């Protein structure tokens, strides 16, 4: 970990562990452990989202999840005597980030999941997220393209197609499936742009404040819009979702929103969006491994090669 020269947009808060006497190697080890947790959790959330939206309106399901997560984080900070102070100039950008990363991202992706197979959604997300993160980051002057990064993105895209492409595109894709795929694409681009816009805010706000505020704002905007416009949202208030959907919601709330989202903001602040975005090449591999271990699914040689290429791509991006 290089400490003599901080990258563009790096917050001095990122060195707080070092300032208290923690060795740089220890800081890096903690960051890698957080990244591994992030990949594990987000690698297992696709199934939970798919289960949830089959019985609960997608906007209501996601809005309740993120709204509750934001309130819990704000209350946790309050009990620790930590106030949330947002400068006046930061509110417009914070509102935009909340809409992009939570409200727009969730409603488009979850509605898309109603009409496309989870495999196709994984292909789109895994291939598009790292590219869009680095692309938007370069456009905003936060990072720059390098030949190593371009090679890693190409390697990861090839691996994604080898792992999921044949199964995802099997059968006929009609207009509903194409519209669903379009929703997943819009959701990926929305989340990536929001991530890039969020990083400059963390020169003033801590990752904990960013997670609490963006979850609260985006979640309650989505929840309110759902109650006003989404069919079935009023009936969903009664809570008769069925235990599979309720368990899926709890999993998405606890490790998904309260754990992984907070870690994501920490890593975006300290690593940048391009390096952190390599989680998109690791999460699908996590999902496949769990499908093999828990459900006895089989993988062929091509899929093993695809997973190896995706992990190799992530290694190239993560390498300092």
C-alpha atoms as a PDB file:
ATOM      1  CA  UNK A   1       0.000   0.000   0.000  1.00  0.00           C
ATOM      2  CA  UNK A   2       1.596   3.265  -1.111  1.00  0.00           C
ATOM      3  CA  UNK A   3       1.118   6.082   1.358  1.00  0.00           C
ATOM      4  CA  UNK A   4       3.469   8.731   0.067  1.00  0.00           C
ATOM      5  CA  UNK A   5       1.213   9.837  -2.752  1.00  0.00           C
ATOM      6  CA  UNK A   6      -2.565   9.593  -2.447  1.00  0.00           C
ATOM      7  CA  UNK A   7      -4.697   8.995  -5.551  1.00  0.00           C
ATOM      8  CA  UNK A   8      -6.997  11.669  -6.889  1.00  0.00           C
ATOM      9  CA  UNK A   9     -10.128  12.061  -4.797  1.00  0.00           C
ATOM     10  CA  UNK A  10      -8.609  10.167  -1.866  1.00  0.00           C
ATOM     11  CA  UNK A  11      -9.893  11.277   1.513  1.00  0.00           C
ATOM     12  CA  UNK A  12      -7.441  11.737   4.390  1.00  0.00           C
ATOM     13  CA  UNK A  13      -9.931   9.719   6.436  1.00  0.00           C
ATOM     14  CA  UNK A  14      -8.728   6.711   4.477  1.00  0.00           C
ATOM     15  CA  UNK A  15      -5.452   6.946   6.407  1.00  0.00           C
ATOM     16  CA  UNK A  16      -7.087   7.082   9.812  1.00  0.00           C
ATOM     17  CA  UNK A  17      -6.007   3.559  10.721  1.00  0.00           C
ATOM     18  CA  UNK A  18      -2.420   4.399   9.862  1.00  0.00           C
ATOM     19  CA  UNK A  19      -2.571   7.606  11.864  1.00  0.00           C
ATOM     20  CA  UNK A  20      -3.511   5.590  14.933  1.00  0.00           C
ATOM     21  CA  UNK A  21      -0.471   3.376  14.489  1.00  0.00           C
ATOM     22  CA  UNK A  22      -1.920   0.543  12.408  1.00  0.00           C
ATOM     23  CA  UNK A  23       0.605  -0.818   9.924  1.00  0.00           C
ATOM     24  CA  UNK A  24      -0.143  -0.347   6.195  1.00  0.00           C
ATOM     25  CA  UNK A  25      -0.088  -4.129   5.666  1.00  0.00           C
ATOM     26  CA  UNK A  26      -2.774  -4.508   8.339  1.00  0.00           C
ATOM     27  CA  UNK A  27      -4.936  -1.859   6.666  1.00  0.00           C
ATOM     28  CA  UNK A  28      -4.599  -3.625   3.322  1.00  0.00           C
ATOM     29  CA  UNK A  29      -5.446  -6.979   4.901  1.00  0.00           C
ATOM     30  CA  UNK A  30      -8.608  -5.494   6.395  1.00  0.00           C
ATOM     31  CA  UNK A  31      -9.585  -3.972   3.071  1.00  0.00           C
ATOM     32  CA  UNK A  32      -9.111  -7.318   1.335  1.00  0.00           C
ATOM     33  CA  UNK A  33     -11.197  -9.057   4.000  1.00  0.00           C
ATOM     34  CA  UNK A  34     -13.983  -6.505   3.499  1.00  0.00           C
ATOM     35  CA  UNK A  35     -13.777  -7.003  -0.265  1.00  0.00           C
ATOM     36  CA  UNK A  36     -14.076 -10.784   0.179  1.00  0.00           C
ATOM     37  CA  UNK A  37     -17.166 -10.299   2.365  1.00  0.00           C
ATOM     38  CA  UNK A  38     -18.647  -7.952  -0.247  1.00  0.00           C
ATOM     39  CA  UNK A  39     -18.134 -10.518  -3.026  1.00  0.00           C
ATOM     40  CA  UNK A  40     -19.617 -13.318  -0.912  1.00  0.00           C
ATOM     41  CA  UNK A  41     -22.766 -11.396   0.034  1.00  0.00           C
ATOM     42  CA  UNK A  42     -23.463  -9.817  -3.345  1.00  0.00           C
ATOM     43  CA  UNK A  43     -22.666 -13.123  -5.029  1.00  0.00           C
ATOM     44  CA  UNK A  44     -25.614 -14.707  -3.229  1.00  0.00           C
ATOM     45  CA  UNK A  45     -28.199 -11.906  -3.435  1.00  0.00           C
ATOM     46  CA  UNK A  46     -29.480 -12.537  -6.982  1.00  0.00           C
ATOM     47  CA  UNK A  47     -31.439 -15.574  -5.833  1.00  0.00           C
ATOM     48  CA  UNK A  48     -32.890 -13.646  -2.880  1.00  0.00           C
ATOM     49  CA  UNK A  49     -34.032 -10.833  -5.180  1.00  0.00           C
ATOM     50  CA  UNK A  50     -35.558 -13.328  -7.615  1.00  0.00           C
ATOM     51  CA  UNK A  51     -37.449 -15.025  -4.760  1.00  0.00           C
ATOM     52  CA  UNK A  52     -38.688 -11.732  -3.332  1.00  0.00           C
ATOM     53  CA  UNK A  53     -40.084 -10.126  -6.473  1.00  0.00           C
ATOM     54  CA  UNK A  54     -42.143 -13.190  -7.388  1.00  0.00           C
ATOM     55  CA  UNK A  55     -44.576 -12.435  -4.536  1.00  0.00           C
ATOM     56  CA  UNK A  56     -43.940  -8.784  -3.539  1.00  0.00           C
ATOM     57  CA  UNK A  57     -44.088  -5.696  -5.824  1.00  0.00           C
ATOM     58  CA  UNK A  58     -40.450  -4.904  -6.725  1.00  0.00           C
ATOM     59  CA  UNK A  59     -40.550  -1.216  -5.821  1.00  0.00           C
ATOM     60  CA  UNK A  60     -42.176  -1.909  -2.457  1.00  0.00           C
ATOM     61  CA  UNK A  61     -39.759  -4.768  -1.746  1.00  0.00           C
ATOM     62  CA  UNK A  62     -36.637  -2.705  -2.461  1.00  0.00           C
ATOM     63  CA  UNK A  63     -37.939   0.544  -0.977  1.00  0.00           C
ATOM     64  CA  UNK A  64     -38.761  -1.110   2.348  1.00  0.00           C
ATOM     65  CA  UNK A  65     -35.348  -2.804   2.407  1.00  0.00           C
ATOM     66  CA  UNK A  66     -33.272   0.304   1.791  1.00  0.00           C
ATOM     67  CA  UNK A  67     -35.470   2.626   3.846  1.00  0.00           C
ATOM     68  CA  UNK A  68     -35.221   0.398   6.912  1.00  0.00           C
ATOM     69  CA  UNK A  69     -31.467  -0.069   6.355  1.00  0.00           C
ATOM     70  CA  UNK A  70     -30.940   3.686   6.254  1.00  0.00           C
ATOM     71  CA  UNK A  71     -32.935   4.297   9.437  1.00  0.00           C
ATOM     72  CA  UNK A  72     -31.035   1.533  11.268  1.00  0.00           C
ATOM     73  CA  UNK A  73     -27.685   3.047  10.251  1.00  0.00           C
ATOM     74  CA  UNK A  74     -28.782   6.543  11.300  1.00  0.00           C
ATOM     75  CA  UNK A  75     -30.025   5.263  14.670  1.00  0.00           C
ATOM     76  CA  UNK A  76     -26.800   3.336  15.200  1.00  0.00           C
ATOM     77  CA  UNK A  77     -24.794   6.500  14.615  1.00  0.00           C
ATOM     78  CA  UNK A  78     -27.090   8.443  16.953  1.00  0.00           C
ATOM     79  CA  UNK A  79     -26.600   5.950  19.792  1.00  0.00           C
ATOM     80  CA  UNK A  80     -22.841   6.367  19.385  1.00  0.00           C
ATOM     81  CA  UNK A  81     -23.129  10.161  19.597  1.00  0.00           C
ATOM     82  CA  UNK A  82     -22.240  10.632  15.911  1.00  0.00           C
ATOM     83  CA  UNK A  83     -24.243  13.361  14.213  1.00  0.00           C
ATOM     84  CA  UNK A  84     -24.798  13.500  10.473  1.00  0.00           C
ATOM     85  CA  UNK A  85     -23.900  16.922   9.095  1.00  0.00           C
ATOM     86  CA  UNK A  86     -24.306  17.556   5.364  1.00  0.00           C
ATOM     87  CA  UNK A  87     -23.075  20.851   3.860  1.00  0.00           C
ATOM     88  CA  UNK A  88     -25.658  22.754   1.833  1.00  0.00           C
ATOM     89  CA  UNK A  89     -23.663  22.353  -1.385  1.00  0.00           C
ATOM     90  CA  UNK A  90     -23.665  18.535  -1.043  1.00  0.00           C
ATOM     91  CA  UNK A  91     -27.438  17.994  -0.853  1.00  0.00           C
ATOM     92  CA  UNK A  92     -28.197  18.132  -4.617  1.00  0.00           C
ATOM     93  CA  UNK A  93     -25.449  15.617  -5.431  1.00  0.00           C
ATOM     94  CA  UNK A  94     -26.435  13.411  -2.480  1.00  0.00           C
ATOM     95  CA  UNK A  95     -30.041  13.363  -3.692  1.00  0.00           C
ATOM     96  CA  UNK A  96     -28.922  12.457  -7.217  1.00  0.00           C
ATOM     97  CA  UNK A  97     -26.631   9.695  -5.923  1.00  0.00           C
ATOM     98  CA  UNK A  98     -29.467   8.266  -3.811  1.00  0.00           C
ATOM     99  CA  UNK A  99     -31.845   8.175  -6.764  1.00  0.00           C
ATOM    100  CA  UNK A 100     -29.278   6.603  -9.103  1.00  0.00           C
ATOM    101  CA  UNK A 101     -27.808   4.009  -6.714  1.00  0.00           C
ATOM    102  CA  UNK A 102     -31.005   2.991  -4.918  1.00  0.00           C
ATOM    103  CA  UNK A 103     -34.331   4.092  -6.389  1.00  0.00           C
ATOM    104  CA  UNK A 104     -33.696   3.902 -10.146  1.00  0.00           C
ATOM    105  CA  UNK A 105     -31.210   1.035  -9.916  1.00  0.00           C
ATOM    106  CA  UNK A 106     -33.460  -1.192  -7.840  1.00  0.00           C
ATOM    107  CA  UNK A 107     -36.777  -0.632  -9.564  1.00  0.00           C
ATOM    108  CA  UNK A 108     -35.372  -1.222 -13.058  1.00  0.00           C
ATOM    109  CA  UNK A 109     -33.296  -4.269 -12.102  1.00  0.00           C
ATOM    110  CA  UNK A 110     -36.006  -5.948 -10.039  1.00  0.00           C
ATOM    111  CA  UNK A 111     -38.668  -5.446 -12.706  1.00  0.00           C
ATOM    112  CA  UNK A 112     -36.161  -6.748 -15.225  1.00  0.00           C
ATOM    113  CA  UNK A 113     -35.665  -9.883 -13.120  1.00  0.00           C
ATOM    114  CA  UNK A 114     -39.372 -10.622 -13.466  1.00  0.00           C
ATOM    115  CA  UNK A 115     -38.956 -11.161 -17.193  1.00  0.00           C
ATOM    116  CA  UNK A 116     -35.423 -12.462 -17.759  1.00  0.00           C
ATOM    117  CA  UNK A 117     -33.626 -15.535 -16.417  1.00  0.00           C
ATOM    118  CA  UNK A 118     -31.251 -14.895 -13.524  1.00  0.00           C
ATOM    119  CA  UNK A 119     -28.422 -16.196 -15.732  1.00  0.00           C
ATOM    120  CA  UNK A 120     -28.979 -13.535 -18.382  1.00  0.00           C
ATOM    121  CA  UNK A 121     -29.210 -10.831 -15.710  1.00  0.00           C
ATOM    122  CA  UNK A 122     -25.892 -12.077 -14.301  1.00  0.00           C
ATOM    123  CA  UNK A 123     -24.236 -11.938 -17.729  1.00  0.00           C
ATOM    124  CA  UNK A 124     -25.353  -8.345 -18.256  1.00  0.00           C
ATOM    125  CA  UNK A 125     -24.407  -7.196 -14.757  1.00  0.00           C
ATOM    126  CA  UNK A 126     -21.042  -8.982 -14.646  1.00  0.00           C
ATOM    127  CA  UNK A 127     -19.917  -7.730 -18.047  1.00  0.00           C
ATOM    128  CA  UNK A 128     -21.343  -4.205 -17.910  1.00  0.00           C
ATOM    129  CA  UNK A 129     -20.709  -3.080 -14.319  1.00  0.00           C
ATOM    130  CA  UNK A 130     -16.861  -3.016 -14.363  1.00  0.00           C
ATOM    131  CA  UNK A 131     -16.791  -1.421 -17.829  1.00  0.00           C
ATOM    132  CA  UNK A 132     -19.295   1.296 -16.915  1.00  0.00           C
ATOM    133  CA  UNK A 133     -17.620   2.004 -13.565  1.00  0.00           C
ATOM    134  CA  UNK A 134     -14.232   2.574 -15.149  1.00  0.00           C
ATOM    135  CA  UNK A 135     -15.766   4.391 -18.134  1.00  0.00           C
ATOM    136  CA  UNK A 136     -17.747   6.873 -16.025  1.00  0.00           C
ATOM    137  CA  UNK A 137     -14.792   7.282 -13.662  1.00  0.00           C
ATOM    138  CA  UNK A 138     -12.510   8.150 -16.581  1.00  0.00           C
ATOM    139  CA  UNK A 139     -15.090  10.593 -17.942  1.00  0.00           C
ATOM    140  CA  UNK A 140     -15.206  12.336 -14.548  1.00  0.00           C
ATOM    141  CA  UNK A 141     -11.403  12.484 -14.308  1.00  0.00           C
ATOM    142  CA  UNK A 142     -11.169  10.190 -11.259  1.00  0.00           C
ATOM    143  CA  UNK A 143      -9.297   7.346 -12.951  1.00  0.00           C
ATOM    144  CA  UNK A 144      -7.780   6.557 -16.313  1.00  0.00           C
ATOM    145  CA  UNK A 145      -7.754   3.668 -18.716  1.00  0.00           C
ATOM    146  CA  UNK A 146      -4.639   1.545 -18.935  1.00  0.00           C
ATOM    147  CA  UNK A 147      -3.821  -1.347 -21.212  1.00  0.00           C
ATOM    148  CA  UNK A 148      -3.813  -3.683 -18.239  1.00  0.00           C
ATOM    149  CA  UNK A 149      -7.299  -2.600 -17.229  1.00  0.00           C
ATOM    150  CA  UNK A 150      -8.643  -2.857 -20.774  1.00  0.00           C
ATOM    151  CA  UNK A 151      -7.158  -6.347 -21.032  1.00  0.00           C
ATOM    152  CA  UNK A 152      -8.710  -7.306 -17.700  1.00  0.00           C
ATOM    153  CA  UNK A 153     -12.147  -6.081 -18.783  1.00  0.00           C
ATOM    154  CA  UNK A 154     -11.929  -8.008 -22.057  1.00  0.00           C
ATOM    155  CA  UNK A 155     -10.786 -11.133 -20.207  1.00  0.00           C
ATOM    156  CA  UNK A 156     -13.650 -10.843 -17.749  1.00  0.00           C
ATOM    157  CA  UNK A 157     -16.233 -10.320 -20.496  1.00  0.00           C
ATOM    158  CA  UNK A 158     -15.044 -13.446 -22.327  1.00  0.00           C
ATOM    159  CA  UNK A 159     -15.153 -15.423 -19.093  1.00  0.00           C
ATOM    160  CA  UNK A 160     -18.682 -14.186 -18.352  1.00  0.00           C
ATOM    161  CA  UNK A 161     -19.939 -15.314 -21.756  1.00  0.00           C
ATOM    162  CA  UNK A 162     -18.253 -18.708 -21.382  1.00  0.00           C
ATOM    163  CA  UNK A 163     -19.770 -19.200 -17.929  1.00  0.00           C
ATOM    164  CA  UNK A 164     -23.329 -18.015 -18.541  1.00  0.00           C
ATOM    165  CA  UNK A 165     -23.782 -17.204 -22.206  1.00  0.00           C
ATOM    166  CA  UNK A 166     -25.064 -20.506 -23.560  1.00  0.00           C
ATOM    167  CA  UNK A 167     -27.554 -21.104 -20.741  1.00  0.00           C
ATOM    168  CA  UNK A 168     -28.651 -17.488 -20.550  1.00  0.00           C
ATOM    169  CA  UNK A 169     -29.437 -17.196 -24.249  1.00  0.00           C
ATOM    170  CA  UNK A 170     -30.987 -20.645 -24.606  1.00  0.00           C
ATOM    171  CA  UNK A 171     -34.498 -20.434 -25.972  1.00  0.00           C
ATOM    172  CA  UNK A 172     -36.375 -17.591 -27.597  1.00  0.00           C
ATOM    173  CA  UNK A 173     -36.095 -14.034 -26.303  1.00  0.00           C
ATOM    174  CA  UNK A 174     -39.325 -12.165 -26.945  1.00  0.00           C
ATOM    175  CA  UNK A 175     -40.219  -8.542 -26.263  1.00  0.00           C
ATOM    176  CA  UNK A 176     -40.844  -9.072 -22.529  1.00  0.00           C
ATOM    177  CA  UNK A 177     -37.398 -10.676 -22.122  1.00  0.00           C
ATOM    178  CA  UNK A 178     -35.721  -7.927 -24.141  1.00  0.00           C
ATOM    179  CA  UNK A 179     -37.486  -5.262 -22.076  1.00  0.00           C
ATOM    180  CA  UNK A 180     -36.364  -7.030 -18.902  1.00  0.00           C
ATOM    181  CA  UNK A 181     -32.784  -7.114 -20.144  1.00  0.00           C
ATOM    182  CA  UNK A 182     -33.081  -3.391 -20.881  1.00  0.00           C
ATOM    183  CA  UNK A 183     -34.148  -2.804 -17.286  1.00  0.00           C
ATOM    184  CA  UNK A 184     -31.095  -4.655 -15.976  1.00  0.00           C
ATOM    185  CA  UNK A 185     -28.849  -2.577 -18.267  1.00  0.00           C
ATOM    186  CA  UNK A 186     -30.388   0.713 -17.084  1.00  0.00           C
ATOM    187  CA  UNK A 187     -29.978  -0.424 -13.476  1.00  0.00           C
ATOM    188  CA  UNK A 188     -26.276  -1.247 -13.975  1.00  0.00           C
ATOM    189  CA  UNK A 189     -25.535   2.075 -15.663  1.00  0.00           C
ATOM    190  CA  UNK A 190     -27.478   3.956 -12.991  1.00  0.00           C
ATOM    191  CA  UNK A 191     -25.582   2.289 -10.149  1.00  0.00           C
ATOM    192  CA  UNK A 192     -22.223   2.874 -11.830  1.00  0.00           C
ATOM    193  CA  UNK A 193     -22.850   6.572 -12.423  1.00  0.00           C
ATOM    194  CA  UNK A 194     -24.089   7.005  -8.870  1.00  0.00           C
ATOM    195  CA  UNK A 195     -20.953   5.312  -7.521  1.00  0.00           C
ATOM    196  CA  UNK A 196     -18.694   7.676  -9.449  1.00  0.00           C
ATOM    197  CA  UNK A 197     -20.664  10.743  -8.321  1.00  0.00           C
ATOM    198  CA  UNK A 198     -20.557   9.514  -4.711  1.00  0.00           C
ATOM    199  CA  UNK A 199     -16.781   9.405  -4.386  1.00  0.00           C
ATOM    200  CA  UNK A 200     -16.177  13.197  -4.251  1.00  0.00           C
ATOM    201  CA  UNK A 201     -18.859  13.462  -1.544  1.00  0.00           C
ATOM    202  CA  UNK A 202     -16.707  11.257   0.685  1.00  0.00           C
ATOM    203  CA  UNK A 203     -14.135  14.000   0.981  1.00  0.00           C
ATOM    204  CA  UNK A 204     -16.730  15.521   3.346  1.00  0.00           C
ATOM    205  CA  UNK A 205     -18.994  12.638   4.397  1.00  0.00           C
ATOM    206  CA  UNK A 206     -17.798   9.372   5.902  1.00  0.00           C
ATOM    207  CA  UNK A 207     -18.740   6.063   4.230  1.00  0.00           C
ATOM    208  CA  UNK A 208     -21.114   5.412   7.147  1.00  0.00           C
ATOM    209  CA  UNK A 209     -22.892   8.712   6.550  1.00  0.00           C
ATOM    210  CA  UNK A 210     -23.062   8.024   2.811  1.00  0.00           C
ATOM    211  CA  UNK A 211     -24.582   4.581   3.328  1.00  0.00           C
ATOM    212  CA  UNK A 212     -27.094   5.821   5.910  1.00  0.00           C
ATOM    213  CA  UNK A 213     -28.222   8.864   3.935  1.00  0.00           C
ATOM    214  CA  UNK A 214     -28.310   7.307   0.462  1.00  0.00           C
ATOM    215  CA  UNK A 215     -30.207   4.264   1.734  1.00  0.00           C
ATOM    216  CA  UNK A 216     -32.714   6.432   3.613  1.00  0.00           C
ATOM    217  CA  UNK A 217     -33.309   8.933   0.824  1.00  0.00           C
ATOM    218  CA  UNK A 218     -33.371   6.453  -2.049  1.00  0.00           C
ATOM    219  CA  UNK A 219     -35.339   3.861  -0.094  1.00  0.00           C
ATOM    220  CA  UNK A 220     -38.123   6.174   1.073  1.00  0.00           C
ATOM    221  CA  UNK A 221     -38.408   7.863  -2.321  1.00  0.00           C
ATOM    222  CA  UNK A 222     -38.868   4.433  -3.879  1.00  0.00           C
ATOM    223  CA  UNK A 223     -41.234   3.298  -1.103  1.00  0.00           C
ATOM    224  CA  UNK A 224     -43.412   6.400  -1.476  1.00  0.00           C
ATOM    225  CA  UNK A 225     -43.522   6.080  -5.256  1.00  0.00           C
ATOM    226  CA  UNK A 226     -44.489   2.430  -4.880  1.00  0.00           C
ATOM    227  CA  UNK A 227     -47.416   3.212  -2.574  1.00  0.00           C
ATOM    228  CA  UNK A 228     -48.596   5.920  -4.968  1.00  0.00           C
ATOM    229  CA  UNK A 229     -48.219   4.160  -8.310  1.00  0.00           C
ATOM    230  CA  UNK A 230     -47.263   0.473  -8.011  1.00  0.00           C
ATOM    231  CA  UNK A 231     -50.084  -2.089  -8.214  1.00  0.00           C
ATOM    232  CA  UNK A 232     -50.263  -4.373  -5.208  1.00  0.00           C
ATOM    233  CA  UNK A 233     -48.162  -2.199  -2.901  1.00  0.00           C
ATOM    234  CA  UNK A 234     -51.102  -1.372  -0.618  1.00  0.00           C
ATOM    235  CA  UNK A 235     -51.845  -5.059  -0.080  1.00  0.00           C
ATOM    236  CA  UNK A 236     -48.143  -5.707   0.586  1.00  0.00           C
ATOM    237  CA  UNK A 237     -48.349  -3.423   3.641  1.00  0.00           C
ATOM    238  CA  UNK A 238     -50.209  -6.214   5.447  1.00  0.00           C
ATOM    239  CA  UNK A 239     -46.986  -8.246   5.376  1.00  0.00           C
ATOM    240  CA  UNK A 240     -48.502 -11.440   3.991  1.00  0.00           C
ATOM    241  CA  UNK A 241     -45.521 -12.160   1.754  1.00  0.00           C
ATOM    242  CA  UNK A 242     -44.889 -15.776   2.622  1.00  0.00           C
ATOM    243  CA  UNK A 243     -41.818 -16.956   4.512  1.00  0.00           C
ATOM    244  CA  UNK A 244     -39.542 -17.380   1.419  1.00  0.00           C
ATOM    245  CA  UNK A 245     -39.982 -13.723   0.406  1.00  0.00           C
ATOM    246  CA  UNK A 246     -39.649 -12.504   4.006  1.00  0.00           C
ATOM    247  CA  UNK A 247     -36.432 -14.500   4.555  1.00  0.00           C
ATOM    248  CA  UNK A 248     -35.076 -13.159   1.245  1.00  0.00           C
ATOM    249  CA  UNK A 249     -35.880  -9.606   2.371  1.00  0.00           C
ATOM    250  CA  UNK A 250     -34.093 -10.110   5.691  1.00  0.00           C
ATOM    251  CA  UNK A 251     -31.009 -11.470   3.950  1.00  0.00           C
ATOM    252  CA  UNK A 252     -30.950  -8.521   1.558  1.00  0.00           C
ATOM    253  CA  UNK A 253     -31.435  -6.121   4.483  1.00  0.00           C
ATOM    254  CA  UNK A 254     -28.918  -7.431   7.022  1.00  0.00           C
ATOM    255  CA  UNK A 255     -25.735  -8.549   5.219  1.00  0.00           C
ATOM    256  CA  UNK A 256     -26.778  -6.997   1.894  1.00  0.00           C
ATOM    257  CA  UNK A 257     -27.643  -3.405   2.836  1.00  0.00           C
ATOM    258  CA  UNK A 258     -26.318  -3.001   6.377  1.00  0.00           C
ATOM    259  CA  UNK A 259     -23.057  -4.845   5.706  1.00  0.00           C
ATOM    260  CA  UNK A 260     -22.015  -4.968   2.068  1.00  0.00           C
ATOM    261  CA  UNK A 261     -23.284  -1.510   1.073  1.00  0.00           C
ATOM    262  CA  UNK A 262     -21.323   0.131   3.888  1.00  0.00           C
ATOM    263  CA  UNK A 263     -18.210  -1.808   2.888  1.00  0.00           C
ATOM    264  CA  UNK A 264     -18.712  -0.777  -0.742  1.00  0.00           C
ATOM    265  CA  UNK A 265     -18.571   2.923   0.164  1.00  0.00           C
ATOM    266  CA  UNK A 266     -15.437   2.357   2.273  1.00  0.00           C
ATOM    267  CA  UNK A 267     -13.682   0.658  -0.633  1.00  0.00           C
ATOM    268  CA  UNK A 268     -14.849   3.200  -3.219  1.00  0.00           C
ATOM    269  CA  UNK A 269     -13.354   5.923  -1.032  1.00  0.00           C
ATOM    270  CA  UNK A 270     -10.031   4.162  -0.517  1.00  0.00           C
ATOM    271  CA  UNK A 271      -9.623   2.082  -3.703  1.00  0.00           C
ATOM    272  CA  UNK A 272     -11.675   3.939  -6.298  1.00  0.00           C
ATOM    273  CA  UNK A 273     -14.642   2.638  -8.269  1.00  0.00           C
ATOM    274  CA  UNK A 274     -12.628   0.812 -10.928  1.00  0.00           C
ATOM    275  CA  UNK A 275     -10.776  -1.460  -8.534  1.00  0.00           C
ATOM    276  CA  UNK A 276     -13.775  -1.987  -6.267  1.00  0.00           C
ATOM    277  CA  UNK A 277     -15.966  -2.755  -9.288  1.00  0.00           C
ATOM    278  CA  UNK A 278     -14.024  -5.948  -9.957  1.00  0.00           C
ATOM    279  CA  UNK A 279     -16.463  -7.552  -7.492  1.00  0.00           C
ATOM    280  CA  UNK A 280     -18.749  -8.016 -10.521  1.00  0.00           C
ATOM    281  CA  UNK A 281     -16.363 -10.643 -11.946  1.00  0.00           C
ATOM    282  CA  UNK A 282     -16.106 -12.528  -8.626  1.00  0.00           C
ATOM    283  CA  UNK A 283     -19.732 -12.533  -7.431  1.00  0.00           C
ATOM    284  CA  UNK A 284     -21.017 -14.816 -10.236  1.00  0.00           C
ATOM    285  CA  UNK A 285     -18.275 -17.346  -9.477  1.00  0.00           C
ATOM    286  CA  UNK A 286     -19.374 -17.315  -5.825  1.00  0.00           C
ATOM    287  CA  UNK A 287     -22.937 -17.994  -6.920  1.00  0.00           C
ATOM    288  CA  UNK A 288     -21.934 -20.910  -9.139  1.00  0.00           C
ATOM    289  CA  UNK A 289     -19.746 -22.471  -6.440  1.00  0.00           C
ATOM    290  CA  UNK A 290     -22.617 -22.337  -3.945  1.00  0.00           C
ATOM    291  CA  UNK A 291     -24.997 -23.816  -6.505  1.00  0.00           C
ATOM    292  CA  UNK A 292     -22.588 -26.743  -6.931  1.00  0.00           C
ATOM    293  CA  UNK A 293     -22.013 -27.237  -3.185  1.00  0.00           C
ATOM    294  CA  UNK A 294     -25.582 -26.769  -1.977  1.00  0.00           C
ATOM    295  CA  UNK A 295     -27.727 -27.952  -4.886  1.00  0.00           C
ATOM    296  CA  UNK A 296     -25.445 -30.404  -6.656  1.00  0.00           C
ATOM    297  CA  UNK A 297     -25.434 -28.508  -9.951  1.00  0.00           C
ATOM    298  CA  UNK A 298     -22.886 -29.585 -12.549  1.00  0.00           C
ATOM    299  CA  UNK A 299     -20.398 -27.432 -14.410  1.00  0.00           C
ATOM    300  CA  UNK A 300     -18.599 -28.377 -17.599  1.00  0.00           C
ATOM    301  CA  UNK A 301     -15.063 -27.613 -18.724  1.00  0.00           C
ATOM    302  CA  UNK A 302     -16.105 -24.448 -20.558  1.00  0.00           C
ATOM    303  CA  UNK A 303     -17.740 -23.061 -17.433  1.00  0.00           C
ATOM    304  CA  UNK A 304     -14.660 -23.819 -15.342  1.00  0.00           C
ATOM    305  CA  UNK A 305     -12.527 -21.971 -17.901  1.00  0.00           C
ATOM    306  CA  UNK A 306     -14.992 -19.064 -17.821  1.00  0.00           C
ATOM    307  CA  UNK A 307     -14.782 -18.808 -14.031  1.00  0.00           C
ATOM    308  CA  UNK A 308     -10.982 -18.940 -14.194  1.00  0.00           C
ATOM    309  CA  UNK A 309     -10.926 -16.098 -16.728  1.00  0.00           C
ATOM    310  CA  UNK A 310     -13.243 -13.983 -14.571  1.00  0.00           C
ATOM    311  CA  UNK A 311     -11.117 -14.513 -11.484  1.00  0.00           C
ATOM    312  CA  UNK A 312      -7.989 -13.723 -13.506  1.00  0.00           C
ATOM    313  CA  UNK A 313      -9.603 -10.505 -14.725  1.00  0.00           C
ATOM    314  CA  UNK A 314     -10.456  -9.474 -11.159  1.00  0.00           C
ATOM    315  CA  UNK A 315      -6.875 -10.250 -10.073  1.00  0.00           C
ATOM    316  CA  UNK A 316      -5.504  -7.957 -12.794  1.00  0.00           C
ATOM    317  CA  UNK A 317      -7.782  -5.098 -11.718  1.00  0.00           C
ATOM    318  CA  UNK A 318      -7.076  -5.587  -8.017  1.00  0.00           C
ATOM    319  CA  UNK A 319      -3.307  -5.726  -8.501  1.00  0.00           C
ATOM    320  CA  UNK A 320      -1.733  -2.482  -7.349  1.00  0.00           C
END
